[in-house]
N, C-alpha and C. Protein backbone atom coordinates (compact mmCIF):
# COMPACT_ATOMS: atom_id res chain seq x y z
N UNK A 1 76.39 115.08 106.28
CA UNK A 1 77.77 115.05 106.79
C UNK A 1 78.11 113.54 106.98
N UNK A 2 79.41 113.28 106.72
CA UNK A 2 79.93 111.93 106.88
C UNK A 2 80.94 111.93 108.03
N UNK A 3 81.14 110.74 108.60
CA UNK A 3 82.11 110.57 109.67
C UNK A 3 82.88 109.32 109.39
N UNK A 4 84.17 109.34 109.72
CA UNK A 4 85.04 108.18 109.65
C UNK A 4 85.87 108.14 110.95
N UNK A 5 85.95 106.96 111.52
CA UNK A 5 86.72 106.76 112.77
C UNK A 5 87.94 105.90 112.46
N UNK A 6 89.10 106.33 112.83
CA UNK A 6 90.32 105.55 112.74
C UNK A 6 90.27 104.52 113.88
N UNK A 7 89.82 103.35 113.60
CA UNK A 7 89.66 102.33 114.65
C UNK A 7 90.95 101.81 115.20
N UNK A 8 92.07 102.08 114.45
CA UNK A 8 93.40 101.73 114.97
C UNK A 8 93.85 102.75 116.04
N UNK A 9 93.41 103.99 115.87
CA UNK A 9 93.77 105.04 116.82
C UNK A 9 92.84 105.09 118.01
N UNK A 10 91.59 104.72 117.80
CA UNK A 10 90.56 104.77 118.86
C UNK A 10 90.98 103.94 120.07
N UNK A 11 90.88 104.49 121.24
CA UNK A 11 91.20 103.83 122.49
C UNK A 11 90.00 103.50 123.36
N UNK A 12 88.81 103.66 122.78
CA UNK A 12 87.56 103.36 123.45
C UNK A 12 87.32 104.15 124.72
N UNK A 13 87.71 105.43 124.67
CA UNK A 13 87.40 106.34 125.80
C UNK A 13 85.89 106.62 125.85
N UNK A 14 85.23 106.47 124.74
CA UNK A 14 83.77 106.54 124.62
C UNK A 14 83.23 107.92 124.80
N UNK A 15 84.01 108.97 124.64
CA UNK A 15 83.49 110.34 124.70
C UNK A 15 82.47 110.55 123.61
N UNK A 16 82.68 109.96 122.45
CA UNK A 16 81.78 110.10 121.34
C UNK A 16 80.46 109.41 121.60
N UNK A 17 80.49 108.32 122.32
CA UNK A 17 79.26 107.57 122.66
C UNK A 17 78.41 108.39 123.61
N UNK A 18 79.03 109.09 124.55
CA UNK A 18 78.27 109.92 125.45
C UNK A 18 77.67 111.11 124.73
N UNK A 19 78.43 111.69 123.83
CA UNK A 19 77.98 112.94 123.19
C UNK A 19 77.07 112.71 121.99
N UNK A 20 77.18 111.58 121.30
CA UNK A 20 76.35 111.31 120.13
C UNK A 20 75.91 109.80 120.09
N UNK A 21 75.14 109.37 121.06
CA UNK A 21 74.82 107.95 121.18
C UNK A 21 74.02 107.40 119.98
N UNK A 22 73.38 108.24 119.20
CA UNK A 22 72.64 107.77 118.04
C UNK A 22 73.56 107.51 116.86
N UNK A 23 74.79 107.92 116.96
CA UNK A 23 75.75 107.74 115.85
C UNK A 23 76.86 106.77 116.29
N UNK A 24 77.35 106.83 117.51
CA UNK A 24 78.44 105.99 118.01
C UNK A 24 77.92 105.04 119.07
N UNK A 25 78.46 103.81 119.03
CA UNK A 25 78.02 102.79 120.01
C UNK A 25 79.16 101.85 120.32
N UNK A 26 79.35 101.55 121.62
CA UNK A 26 80.36 100.59 122.01
C UNK A 26 79.69 99.21 122.17
N UNK A 27 80.35 98.21 121.66
CA UNK A 27 79.95 96.82 121.76
C UNK A 27 81.02 96.18 122.66
N UNK A 28 80.63 95.75 123.86
CA UNK A 28 81.63 95.26 124.79
C UNK A 28 82.40 96.42 125.34
N UNK A 29 83.65 96.21 125.65
CA UNK A 29 84.47 97.27 126.28
C UNK A 29 85.29 98.06 125.26
N UNK A 30 85.50 97.49 124.03
CA UNK A 30 86.40 98.18 123.11
C UNK A 30 85.94 98.29 121.69
N UNK A 31 84.89 97.59 121.27
CA UNK A 31 84.49 97.61 119.86
C UNK A 31 83.53 98.70 119.54
N UNK A 32 84.01 99.74 118.86
CA UNK A 32 83.18 100.87 118.50
C UNK A 32 82.54 100.61 117.12
N UNK A 33 81.24 100.94 117.04
CA UNK A 33 80.60 100.97 115.74
C UNK A 33 79.94 102.33 115.59
N UNK A 34 79.73 102.73 114.36
CA UNK A 34 79.19 104.09 114.11
C UNK A 34 78.44 104.11 112.78
N UNK A 35 77.64 105.11 112.63
CA UNK A 35 76.88 105.35 111.41
C UNK A 35 77.69 106.33 110.59
N UNK A 36 78.23 105.92 109.37
CA UNK A 36 79.08 106.78 108.64
C UNK A 36 78.38 107.99 107.99
N UNK A 37 77.08 107.91 107.73
CA UNK A 37 76.35 109.06 107.21
C UNK A 37 75.52 109.59 108.37
N UNK A 38 75.86 110.78 108.77
CA UNK A 38 75.29 111.39 110.00
C UNK A 38 73.94 112.01 109.68
N UNK A 39 72.88 111.67 110.37
CA UNK A 39 71.61 112.34 110.18
C UNK A 39 71.74 113.82 110.53
N UNK A 40 71.08 114.64 109.80
CA UNK A 40 71.21 116.10 109.92
C UNK A 40 70.98 116.55 111.38
N UNK A 41 70.05 115.97 112.08
CA UNK A 41 69.75 116.38 113.42
C UNK A 41 70.83 116.01 114.41
N UNK A 42 71.80 115.18 114.00
CA UNK A 42 72.89 114.74 114.86
C UNK A 42 74.22 115.49 114.56
N UNK A 43 74.22 116.36 113.60
CA UNK A 43 75.42 117.05 113.17
C UNK A 43 76.17 117.72 114.32
N UNK A 44 75.48 118.54 115.07
CA UNK A 44 76.12 119.28 116.20
C UNK A 44 76.71 118.32 117.21
N UNK A 45 76.01 117.25 117.53
CA UNK A 45 76.49 116.29 118.49
C UNK A 45 77.76 115.58 118.01
N UNK A 46 77.79 115.23 116.71
CA UNK A 46 78.95 114.57 116.13
C UNK A 46 80.15 115.50 116.08
N UNK A 47 79.91 116.77 115.75
CA UNK A 47 80.99 117.74 115.78
C UNK A 47 81.60 117.87 117.17
N UNK A 48 80.73 117.91 118.16
CA UNK A 48 81.22 117.94 119.57
C UNK A 48 82.00 116.65 119.94
N UNK A 49 81.49 115.52 119.47
CA UNK A 49 82.15 114.28 119.75
C UNK A 49 83.54 114.24 119.13
N UNK A 50 83.69 114.70 117.88
CA UNK A 50 84.95 114.72 117.21
C UNK A 50 85.92 115.65 117.97
N UNK A 51 85.51 116.76 118.40
CA UNK A 51 86.32 117.70 119.15
C UNK A 51 86.73 117.14 120.46
N UNK A 52 85.88 116.35 121.10
CA UNK A 52 86.14 115.78 122.44
C UNK A 52 86.99 114.53 122.38
N UNK A 53 87.21 113.93 121.24
CA UNK A 53 87.94 112.70 121.17
C UNK A 53 89.40 112.92 121.64
N UNK A 54 89.86 112.27 122.73
CA UNK A 54 91.19 112.57 123.21
C UNK A 54 92.30 112.12 122.32
N UNK A 55 92.05 111.22 121.38
CA UNK A 55 93.11 110.77 120.50
C UNK A 55 92.84 111.22 119.06
N UNK A 56 91.88 112.12 118.89
CA UNK A 56 91.55 112.68 117.55
C UNK A 56 91.34 111.60 116.48
N UNK A 57 90.56 110.58 116.78
CA UNK A 57 90.31 109.46 115.89
C UNK A 57 89.15 109.67 114.93
N UNK A 58 88.42 110.78 115.11
CA UNK A 58 87.20 111.04 114.35
C UNK A 58 87.40 112.13 113.33
N UNK A 59 87.12 111.81 112.08
CA UNK A 59 87.15 112.81 110.96
C UNK A 59 85.69 113.05 110.55
N UNK A 60 85.33 114.33 110.34
CA UNK A 60 83.97 114.65 109.88
C UNK A 60 84.06 115.59 108.71
N UNK A 61 83.03 115.57 107.88
CA UNK A 61 82.94 116.51 106.73
C UNK A 61 81.89 116.01 105.74
N UNK A 62 81.63 116.82 104.76
CA UNK A 62 80.62 116.47 103.75
C UNK A 62 81.11 115.38 102.81
N UNK A 63 82.39 115.34 102.54
CA UNK A 63 82.89 114.34 101.61
C UNK A 63 83.99 113.44 102.23
N UNK A 64 84.05 113.42 103.55
CA UNK A 64 85.08 112.62 104.17
C UNK A 64 84.86 111.14 103.96
N UNK A 65 85.95 110.41 103.77
CA UNK A 65 85.86 108.98 103.57
C UNK A 65 87.16 108.34 103.98
N UNK A 66 87.32 107.07 103.66
CA UNK A 66 88.49 106.31 104.05
C UNK A 66 89.77 106.95 103.42
N UNK A 67 89.69 107.45 102.21
CA UNK A 67 90.83 108.08 101.57
C UNK A 67 91.32 109.26 102.37
N UNK A 68 90.38 110.02 102.94
CA UNK A 68 90.76 111.17 103.78
C UNK A 68 91.43 110.73 105.05
N UNK A 69 91.02 109.63 105.57
CA UNK A 69 91.64 109.10 106.79
C UNK A 69 93.10 108.72 106.49
N UNK A 70 93.33 108.04 105.36
CA UNK A 70 94.70 107.66 104.97
C UNK A 70 95.51 108.92 104.75
N UNK A 71 94.98 109.89 104.03
CA UNK A 71 95.70 111.14 103.74
C UNK A 71 96.04 111.87 105.01
N UNK A 72 95.15 111.86 105.99
CA UNK A 72 95.38 112.48 107.27
C UNK A 72 96.57 111.83 107.97
N UNK A 73 96.57 110.51 107.97
CA UNK A 73 97.68 109.79 108.64
C UNK A 73 99.00 109.91 107.84
N UNK A 74 98.93 110.00 106.54
CA UNK A 74 100.16 110.22 105.76
C UNK A 74 100.77 111.56 106.14
N UNK A 75 99.95 112.55 106.39
CA UNK A 75 100.42 113.89 106.79
C UNK A 75 101.14 113.82 108.09
N UNK A 76 100.80 112.86 108.96
CA UNK A 76 101.42 112.68 110.25
C UNK A 76 102.60 111.73 110.22
N UNK A 77 102.85 111.11 109.04
CA UNK A 77 103.87 110.13 108.96
C UNK A 77 103.49 108.82 109.59
N UNK A 78 102.19 108.53 109.76
CA UNK A 78 101.75 107.32 110.41
C UNK A 78 101.47 106.15 109.49
N UNK A 79 101.40 106.39 108.16
CA UNK A 79 101.13 105.38 107.20
C UNK A 79 102.29 105.29 106.20
N UNK A 80 102.75 104.07 105.94
CA UNK A 80 103.83 103.91 104.95
C UNK A 80 103.27 103.99 103.53
N UNK A 81 103.67 104.98 102.79
CA UNK A 81 103.09 105.24 101.45
C UNK A 81 103.78 104.42 100.38
N UNK A 82 104.86 103.67 100.69
CA UNK A 82 105.57 102.92 99.67
C UNK A 82 104.91 101.59 99.32
């Protein structure tokens, strides 16, 4: 499973860090880093983290990538496609 975080949307509430600390990590108070390819044993934790994100900044899936993040935001009218 892959994970992508919209770092522009992320507000560093750190729910993901509490739920999946082997995948998500805060550096300082606001800089989130993460492992984009989720180890199989962390799948459940990452799914819970994505569901718990208060700003829905986490996308997960087998083929999810940056293009999916852009497509997701286009669907919300958040990215200028011109």
